[in-house]
Amino acid sequence: MDNEDEINRGKITPEKAMQMLNSEGMNVTIEEATEILLFLRKIAHAVVSKFLES
């Protein structure tokens, strides 16, 4: 899986994330929104993995 697939596989696109964050007063670029989404997916994966280990 390349980086483009990783970015676009979720239901929230970087464009939508950027709009959501901008509407809350956080001015981010599309690149920053992409990085935020990737980070949130990594955190979610870690939490689920930890939960399933228990």
C-alpha atoms as a PDB file:
ATOM      1  CA  MET A   1       0.000   0.000   0.000  1.00  0.00           C
ATOM      2  CA  ASP A   2       1.493   3.296  -1.027  1.00  0.00           C
ATOM      3  CA  ASN A   3       1.137   6.585   0.786  1.00  0.00           C
ATOM      4  CA  GLU A   4      -1.696   7.842  -1.462  1.00  0.00           C
ATOM      5  CA  ASP A   5      -3.845   4.801  -0.613  1.00  0.00           C
ATOM      6  CA  GLU A   6      -3.101   5.303   3.087  1.00  0.00           C
ATOM      7  CA  ILE A   7      -4.198   8.927   2.919  1.00  0.00           C
ATOM      8  CA  ASN A   8      -7.460   8.321   1.061  1.00  0.00           C
ATOM      9  CA  ARG A   9      -8.686   5.081   2.631  1.00  0.00           C
ATOM     10  CA  GLY A  10     -10.557   6.696   5.524  1.00  0.00           C
ATOM     11  CA  LYS A  11     -13.976   8.255   5.429  1.00  0.00           C
ATOM     12  CA  ILE A  12     -12.560  11.679   6.268  1.00  0.00           C
ATOM     13  CA  THR A  13     -10.470  13.066   3.441  1.00  0.00           C
ATOM     14  CA  PRO A  14      -7.663  15.549   4.052  1.00  0.00           C
ATOM     15  CA  GLU A  15      -9.833  18.214   2.403  1.00  0.00           C
ATOM     16  CA  LYS A  16     -12.734  17.510   4.779  1.00  0.00           C
ATOM     17  CA  ALA A  17     -10.385  17.455   7.789  1.00  0.00           C
ATOM     18  CA  MET A  18      -8.941  20.802   6.697  1.00  0.00           C
ATOM     19  CA  GLN A  19     -12.450  22.276   6.417  1.00  0.00           C
ATOM     20  CA  MET A  20     -13.443  20.915   9.834  1.00  0.00           C
ATOM     21  CA  LEU A  21     -10.315  22.255  11.521  1.00  0.00           C
ATOM     22  CA  ASN A  22     -10.557  25.635   9.776  1.00  0.00           C
ATOM     23  CA  SER A  23     -14.189  25.991  10.881  1.00  0.00           C
ATOM     24  CA  GLU A  24     -12.998  25.543  14.489  1.00  0.00           C
ATOM     25  CA  GLY A  25     -10.405  28.295  14.097  1.00  0.00           C
ATOM     26  CA  MET A  26      -7.384  26.079  13.459  1.00  0.00           C
ATOM     27  CA  ASN A  27      -5.910  27.254  10.181  1.00  0.00           C
ATOM     28  CA  VAL A  28      -4.140  24.251   8.642  1.00  0.00           C
ATOM     29  CA  THR A  29      -2.952  23.469   5.147  1.00  0.00           C
ATOM     30  CA  ILE A  30      -3.930  20.372   3.202  1.00  0.00           C
ATOM     31  CA  GLU A  31      -0.505  18.901   3.944  1.00  0.00           C
ATOM     32  CA  GLU A  32      -0.934  19.473   7.665  1.00  0.00           C
ATOM     33  CA  ALA A  33      -4.425  17.961   7.587  1.00  0.00           C
ATOM     34  CA  THR A  34      -2.990  14.898   5.834  1.00  0.00           C
ATOM     35  CA  GLU A  35      -0.327  14.484   8.510  1.00  0.00           C
ATOM     36  CA  ILE A  36      -2.914  14.919  11.275  1.00  0.00           C
ATOM     37  CA  LEU A  37      -5.099  12.171   9.776  1.00  0.00           C
ATOM     38  CA  LEU A  38      -2.141   9.805   9.446  1.00  0.00           C
ATOM     39  CA  PHE A  39      -1.167  10.475  13.051  1.00  0.00           C
ATOM     40  CA  LEU A  40      -4.713   9.860  14.307  1.00  0.00           C
ATOM     41  CA  ARG A  41      -4.872   6.559  12.392  1.00  0.00           C
ATOM     42  CA  LYS A  42      -1.584   5.444  13.972  1.00  0.00           C
ATOM     43  CA  ILE A  43      -2.849   6.355  17.448  1.00  0.00           C
ATOM     44  CA  ALA A  44      -6.140   4.536  16.838  1.00  0.00           C
ATOM     45  CA  HIS A  45      -4.291   1.443  15.628  1.00  0.00           C
ATOM     46  CA  ALA A  46      -2.051   1.451  18.701  1.00  0.00           C
ATOM     47  CA  VAL A  47      -5.006   1.791  21.077  1.00  0.00           C
ATOM     48  CA  VAL A  48      -6.973  -1.023  19.416  1.00  0.00           C
ATOM     49  CA  SER A  49      -3.921  -3.280  19.363  1.00  0.00           C
ATOM     50  CA  LYS A  50      -3.254  -2.629  23.047  1.00  0.00           C
ATOM     51  CA  PHE A  51      -6.901  -3.315  23.908  1.00  0.00           C
ATOM     52  CA  LEU A  52      -6.893  -6.600  21.998  1.00  0.00           C
ATOM     53  CA  GLU A  53      -3.732  -7.765  23.809  1.00  0.00           C
ATOM     54  CA  SER A  54      -5.528  -7.604  27.168  1.00  0.00           C
END
